[in-house]
C-alpha atoms as a PDB file:
ATOM      1  CA  MET A   1      25.158  29.002 -40.489  1.00  0.00           C
ATOM      2  CA  THR A   2      23.133  27.672 -37.558  1.00  0.00           C
ATOM      3  CA  GLU A   3      25.186  26.742 -34.501  1.00  0.00           C
ATOM      4  CA  ARG A   4      25.071  22.997 -34.006  1.00  0.00           C
ATOM      5  CA  THR A   5      24.035  22.330 -30.431  1.00  0.00           C
ATOM      6  CA  ALA A   6      22.451  19.340 -28.728  1.00  0.00           C
ATOM      7  CA  LYS A   7      19.052  21.015 -29.159  1.00  0.00           C
ATOM      8  CA  TYR A   8      19.743  21.532 -32.880  1.00  0.00           C
ATOM      9  CA  TRP A   9      20.462  17.809 -33.375  1.00  0.00           C
ATOM     10  CA  ILE A  10      17.601  16.610 -31.149  1.00  0.00           C
ATOM     11  CA  GLU A  11      15.112  18.713 -33.124  1.00  0.00           C
ATOM     12  CA  ASN A  12      16.511  18.189 -36.636  1.00  0.00           C
ATOM     13  CA  LEU A  13      17.073  14.444 -36.274  1.00  0.00           C
ATOM     14  CA  GLN A  14      13.800  14.039 -34.324  1.00  0.00           C
ATOM     15  CA  LEU A  15      15.511  12.214 -31.465  1.00  0.00           C
ATOM     16  CA  SER A  16      13.565  10.732 -28.529  1.00  0.00           C
ATOM     17  CA  LYS A  17      14.601   9.810 -24.982  1.00  0.00           C
ATOM     18  CA  HIS A  18      16.384   6.449 -24.723  1.00  0.00           C
ATOM     19  CA  PRO A  19      15.757   4.088 -21.753  1.00  0.00           C
ATOM     20  CA  GLU A  20      19.522   3.872 -21.031  1.00  0.00           C
ATOM     21  CA  GLY A  21      19.897   7.697 -21.086  1.00  0.00           C
ATOM     22  CA  GLY A  22      20.402  10.260 -23.822  1.00  0.00           C
ATOM     23  CA  PHE A  23      18.426  10.573 -27.049  1.00  0.00           C
ATOM     24  CA  PHE A  24      18.113   8.328 -30.098  1.00  0.00           C
ATOM     25  CA  LYS A  25      16.331   7.544 -33.341  1.00  0.00           C
ATOM     26  CA  GLU A  26      16.504   4.365 -35.361  1.00  0.00           C
ATOM     27  CA  VAL A  27      17.541   5.261 -38.902  1.00  0.00           C
ATOM     28  CA  TYR A  28      18.111   1.859 -40.471  1.00  0.00           C
ATOM     29  CA  ARG A  29      16.711  -1.640 -40.064  1.00  0.00           C
ATOM     30  CA  SER A  30      17.596  -4.142 -42.758  1.00  0.00           C
ATOM     31  CA  LYS A  31      14.555  -5.599 -44.503  1.00  0.00           C
ATOM     32  CA  GLU A  32      16.425  -8.881 -44.803  1.00  0.00           C
ATOM     33  CA  ILE A  33      16.286 -11.174 -41.800  1.00  0.00           C
ATOM     34  CA  ILE A  34      18.238 -14.050 -40.350  1.00  0.00           C
ATOM     35  CA  SER A  35      16.008 -16.905 -39.210  1.00  0.00           C
ATOM     36  CA  LYS A  36      16.342 -18.160 -35.637  1.00  0.00           C
ATOM     37  CA  LYS A  37      17.723 -21.509 -36.825  1.00  0.00           C
ATOM     38  CA  HIS A  38      20.714 -19.694 -38.368  1.00  0.00           C
ATOM     39  CA  LEU A  39      21.472 -17.595 -35.267  1.00  0.00           C
ATOM     40  CA  PRO A  40      23.363 -18.546 -32.106  1.00  0.00           C
ATOM     41  CA  LEU A  41      21.158 -19.932 -29.314  1.00  0.00           C
ATOM     42  CA  ARG A  42      21.347 -16.646 -27.336  1.00  0.00           C
ATOM     43  CA  TYR A  43      18.754 -15.071 -29.693  1.00  0.00           C
ATOM     44  CA  SER A  44      15.054 -15.667 -28.986  1.00  0.00           C
ATOM     45  CA  SER A  45      13.805 -15.213 -32.568  1.00  0.00           C
ATOM     46  CA  PHE A  46      14.775 -13.923 -36.014  1.00  0.00           C
ATOM     47  CA  ARG A  47      16.864 -10.737 -36.380  1.00  0.00           C
ATOM     48  CA  SER A  48      17.411  -8.162 -39.093  1.00  0.00           C
ATOM     49  CA  PHE A  49      20.838  -8.369 -40.711  1.00  0.00           C
ATOM     50  CA  SER A  50      21.720  -4.985 -39.196  1.00  0.00           C
ATOM     51  CA  THR A  51      20.287  -1.870 -37.534  1.00  0.00           C
ATOM     52  CA  SER A  52      21.588   1.623 -36.829  1.00  0.00           C
ATOM     53  CA  ILE A  53      20.582   4.592 -34.708  1.00  0.00           C
ATOM     54  CA  TYR A  54      21.609   8.160 -34.046  1.00  0.00           C
ATOM     55  CA  PHE A  55      22.538   8.561 -30.374  1.00  0.00           C
ATOM     56  CA  LEU A  56      23.188  11.799 -28.477  1.00  0.00           C
ATOM     57  CA  LEU A  57      24.371  12.507 -24.944  1.00  0.00           C
ATOM     58  CA  GLU A  58      24.533  16.019 -23.526  1.00  0.00           C
ATOM     59  CA  ASN A  59      25.886  17.694 -20.398  1.00  0.00           C
ATOM     60  CA  ASP A  60      25.592  15.322 -17.405  1.00  0.00           C
ATOM     61  CA  ASP A  61      23.570  12.735 -19.354  1.00  0.00           C
ATOM     62  CA  PHE A  62      25.053   9.268 -19.528  1.00  0.00           C
ATOM     63  CA  SER A  63      24.418   5.989 -21.220  1.00  0.00           C
ATOM     64  CA  ALA A  64      23.878   3.636 -18.261  1.00  0.00           C
ATOM     65  CA  PHE A  65      25.737   0.356 -18.026  1.00  0.00           C
ATOM     66  CA  HIS A  66      24.083  -2.198 -20.266  1.00  0.00           C
ATOM     67  CA  ARG A  67      25.010  -5.079 -22.529  1.00  0.00           C
ATOM     68  CA  LEU A  68      23.819  -6.583 -25.780  1.00  0.00           C
ATOM     69  CA  LYS A  69      23.806 -10.055 -27.299  1.00  0.00           C
ATOM     70  CA  SER A  70      25.387  -8.625 -30.493  1.00  0.00           C
ATOM     71  CA  ASP A  71      28.497  -6.581 -31.217  1.00  0.00           C
ATOM     72  CA  GLU A  72      27.821  -2.847 -31.425  1.00  0.00           C
ATOM     73  CA  ILE A  73      29.872  -0.283 -33.348  1.00  0.00           C
ATOM     74  CA  TRP A  74      29.811   3.356 -32.207  1.00  0.00           C
ATOM     75  CA  HIS A  75      30.644   6.023 -34.844  1.00  0.00           C
ATOM     76  CA  PHE A  76      31.495   9.606 -33.859  1.00  0.00           C
ATOM     77  CA  TYR A  77      29.681  12.380 -35.773  1.00  0.00           C
ATOM     78  CA  ASP A  78      29.780  15.712 -33.942  1.00  0.00           C
ATOM     79  CA  GLY A  79      30.328  17.500 -30.637  1.00  0.00           C
ATOM     80  CA  SER A  80      32.954  16.800 -28.018  1.00  0.00           C
ATOM     81  CA  GLN A  81      34.808  13.722 -26.855  1.00  0.00           C
ATOM     82  CA  LEU A  82      32.817  10.828 -25.415  1.00  0.00           C
ATOM     83  CA  LEU A  83      34.214   8.463 -22.792  1.00  0.00           C
ATOM     84  CA  LEU A  84      33.138   4.875 -23.372  1.00  0.00           C
ATOM     85  CA  TYR A  85      33.678   2.425 -20.494  1.00  0.00           C
ATOM     86  CA  ILE A  86      33.748  -1.286 -21.351  1.00  0.00           C
ATOM     87  CA  ILE A  87      33.938  -4.101 -18.794  1.00  0.00           C
ATOM     88  CA  ASP A  88      34.836  -7.328 -20.573  1.00  0.00           C
ATOM     89  CA  GLN A  89      33.925 -10.898 -19.643  1.00  0.00           C
ATOM     90  CA  SER A  90      36.961 -11.184 -17.326  1.00  0.00           C
ATOM     91  CA  GLY A  91      36.087  -7.944 -15.487  1.00  0.00           C
ATOM     92  CA  LYS A  92      38.788  -5.801 -17.118  1.00  0.00           C
ATOM     93  CA  LEU A  93      37.777  -2.160 -17.570  1.00  0.00           C
ATOM     94  CA  THR A  94      38.816  -0.335 -20.737  1.00  0.00           C
ATOM     95  CA  THR A  95      38.139   3.370 -21.247  1.00  0.00           C
ATOM     96  CA  VAL A  96      38.005   4.488 -24.872  1.00  0.00           C
ATOM     97  CA  LYS A  97      37.946   8.113 -26.020  1.00  0.00           C
ATOM     98  CA  VAL A  98      35.510   8.491 -28.913  1.00  0.00           C
ATOM     99  CA  GLY A  99      35.924  11.618 -31.010  1.00  0.00           C
ATOM    100  CA  ASN A 100      37.546  13.142 -34.073  1.00  0.00           C
ATOM    101  CA  ASN A 101      40.945  14.102 -32.665  1.00  0.00           C
ATOM    102  CA  PRO A 102      43.321  11.181 -33.270  1.00  0.00           C
ATOM    103  CA  HIS A 103      46.226  13.246 -31.858  1.00  0.00           C
ATOM    104  CA  GLN A 104      44.350  13.107 -28.504  1.00  0.00           C
ATOM    105  CA  ASP A 105      44.007   9.312 -28.805  1.00  0.00           C
ATOM    106  CA  GLU A 106      40.337   9.603 -29.841  1.00  0.00           C
ATOM    107  CA  LYS A 107      38.779   6.926 -32.046  1.00  0.00           C
ATOM    108  CA  LEU A 108      36.221   7.733 -34.748  1.00  0.00           C
ATOM    109  CA  GLN A 109      34.801   4.233 -34.463  1.00  0.00           C
ATOM    110  CA  VAL A 110      34.756   1.724 -31.589  1.00  0.00           C
ATOM    111  CA  THR A 111      33.369  -1.810 -31.430  1.00  0.00           C
ATOM    112  CA  ILE A 112      31.905  -3.148 -28.182  1.00  0.00           C
ATOM    113  CA  PRO A 113      31.978  -6.960 -28.206  1.00  0.00           C
ATOM    114  CA  LYS A 114      28.772  -8.830 -27.407  1.00  0.00           C
ATOM    115  CA  GLY A 115      28.216  -9.584 -23.726  1.00  0.00           C
ATOM    116  CA  CYS A 116      30.447  -6.781 -22.399  1.00  0.00           C
ATOM    117  CA  TRP A 117      28.962  -4.265 -19.984  1.00  0.00           C
ATOM    118  CA  PHE A 118      29.380  -0.705 -21.228  1.00  0.00           C
ATOM    119  CA  ALA A 119      28.425   2.865 -20.395  1.00  0.00           C
ATOM    120  CA  ALA A 120      29.307   6.305 -21.756  1.00  0.00           C
ATOM    121  CA  GLU A 121      29.392   9.984 -20.848  1.00  0.00           C
ATOM    122  CA  VAL A 122      30.368  13.262 -22.462  1.00  0.00           C
ATOM    123  CA  ALA A 123      33.941  14.136 -21.445  1.00  0.00           C
ATOM    124  CA  VAL A 124      33.390  17.901 -21.624  1.00  0.00           C
ATOM    125  CA  LYS A 125      30.438  19.008 -19.502  1.00  0.00           C
ATOM    126  CA  ASN A 126      28.119  21.666 -20.991  1.00  0.00           C
ATOM    127  CA  SER A 127      28.564  20.069 -24.409  1.00  0.00           C
ATOM    128  CA  TYR A 128      27.274  17.045 -26.293  1.00  0.00           C
ATOM    129  CA  SER A 129      28.372  14.040 -28.312  1.00  0.00           C
ATOM    130  CA  LEU A 130      26.455  12.857 -31.386  1.00  0.00           C
ATOM    131  CA  LEU A 131      27.151   9.323 -32.521  1.00  0.00           C
ATOM    132  CA  GLY A 132      25.776   6.523 -34.613  1.00  0.00           C
ATOM    133  CA  CYS A 133      25.429   2.973 -33.296  1.00  0.00           C
ATOM    134  CA  THR A 134      25.312  -0.051 -35.594  1.00  0.00           C
ATOM    135  CA  VAL A 135      24.304  -3.500 -34.335  1.00  0.00           C
ATOM    136  CA  SER A 136      24.636  -6.777 -36.216  1.00  0.00           C
ATOM    137  CA  PRO A 137      22.672  -9.019 -36.095  1.00  0.00           C
ATOM    138  CA  GLY A 138      20.181  -6.188 -35.759  1.00  0.00           C
ATOM    139  CA  PHE A 139      19.097  -4.716 -32.425  1.00  0.00           C
ATOM    140  CA  ASP A 140      16.042  -6.040 -30.631  1.00  0.00           C
ATOM    141  CA  PHE A 141      15.066  -4.997 -27.088  1.00  0.00           C
ATOM    142  CA  ASP A 142      15.045  -8.729 -26.174  1.00  0.00           C
ATOM    143  CA  ASP A 143      18.841  -8.543 -26.572  1.00  0.00           C
ATOM    144  CA  PHE A 144      19.251  -5.476 -24.292  1.00  0.00           C
ATOM    145  CA  GLU A 145      20.011  -5.819 -20.571  1.00  0.00           C
ATOM    146  CA  LEU A 146      20.198  -2.716 -18.389  1.00  0.00           C
ATOM    147  CA  GLY A 147      22.747  -3.186 -15.611  1.00  0.00           C
ATOM    148  CA  SER A 148      21.597  -3.543 -12.019  1.00  0.00           C
ATOM    149  CA  ARG A 149      23.764  -1.374  -9.764  1.00  0.00           C
ATOM    150  CA  SER A 150      23.840  -3.898  -6.913  1.00  0.00           C
ATOM    151  CA  VAL A 151      24.525  -6.900  -9.174  1.00  0.00           C
ATOM    152  CA  LEU A 152      27.307  -5.117 -11.082  1.00  0.00           C
ATOM    153  CA  ILE A 153      29.005  -3.859  -7.910  1.00  0.00           C
ATOM    154  CA  LYS A 154      28.890  -7.357  -6.424  1.00  0.00           C
ATOM    155  CA  LYS A 155      30.448  -8.792  -9.595  1.00  0.00           C
ATOM    156  CA  TYR A 156      32.967  -5.950 -10.174  1.00  0.00           C
ATOM    157  CA  PRO A 157      33.645  -4.341  -6.747  1.00  0.00           C
ATOM    158  CA  GLU A 158      36.840  -2.678  -8.031  1.00  0.00           C
ATOM    159  CA  GLN A 159      34.634  -0.620 -10.407  1.00  0.00           C
ATOM    160  CA  SER A 160      32.053   0.395  -7.769  1.00  0.00           C
ATOM    161  CA  ASP A 161      32.622   4.176  -8.079  1.00  0.00           C
ATOM    162  CA  LEU A 162      32.096   4.098 -11.847  1.00  0.00           C
ATOM    163  CA  ILE A 163      29.127   1.715 -11.583  1.00  0.00           C
ATOM    164  CA  ASN A 164      27.486   3.904  -8.909  1.00  0.00           C
ATOM    165  CA  ARG A 165      27.872   6.944 -11.168  1.00  0.00           C
ATOM    166  CA  LEU A 166      26.742   5.311 -14.422  1.00  0.00           C
ATOM    167  CA  THR A 167      23.758   3.179 -13.467  1.00  0.00           C
ATOM    168  CA  ILE A 168      20.127   4.097 -13.041  1.00  0.00           C
ATOM    169  CA  LEU A 169      18.749   3.894  -9.494  1.00  0.00           C
ATOM    170  CA  GLU A 170      16.925   0.645  -8.834  1.00  0.00           C
END
């Protein structure tokens, strides 16, 4: 049997670089849509009912702080534990372990509520984490906001070390 490594998954799932860090590939986009008039005002146009992607982080890669206008569910598939950092609307930081070891307090599935800032990294360096991400209403880049390091630190100074580490240089 072939050893499953980050390279194995990147090649076999045909993953590409993601703007927030890591690798991804969209694998599902509902053909049914929700018209703008039936969506909350925060959406600029129609949306698919749902979308999903494969998402992989490896080694020192990280998913930079960002937020979405929709809830997003992360599903663990393979590799080592992922640390998911969520800053809610009130500024409270929650760290969630995503993985397949419930006895180590890992969750197979985690939901990030709309509007929360979140970032992720592989807990065990020199390894990888392969996940799926489902967004509903479906993902559109108009709904994606990459976090500005200076803006986030000004808003959440108590999280400045984490924000400095998990944002992309401006």
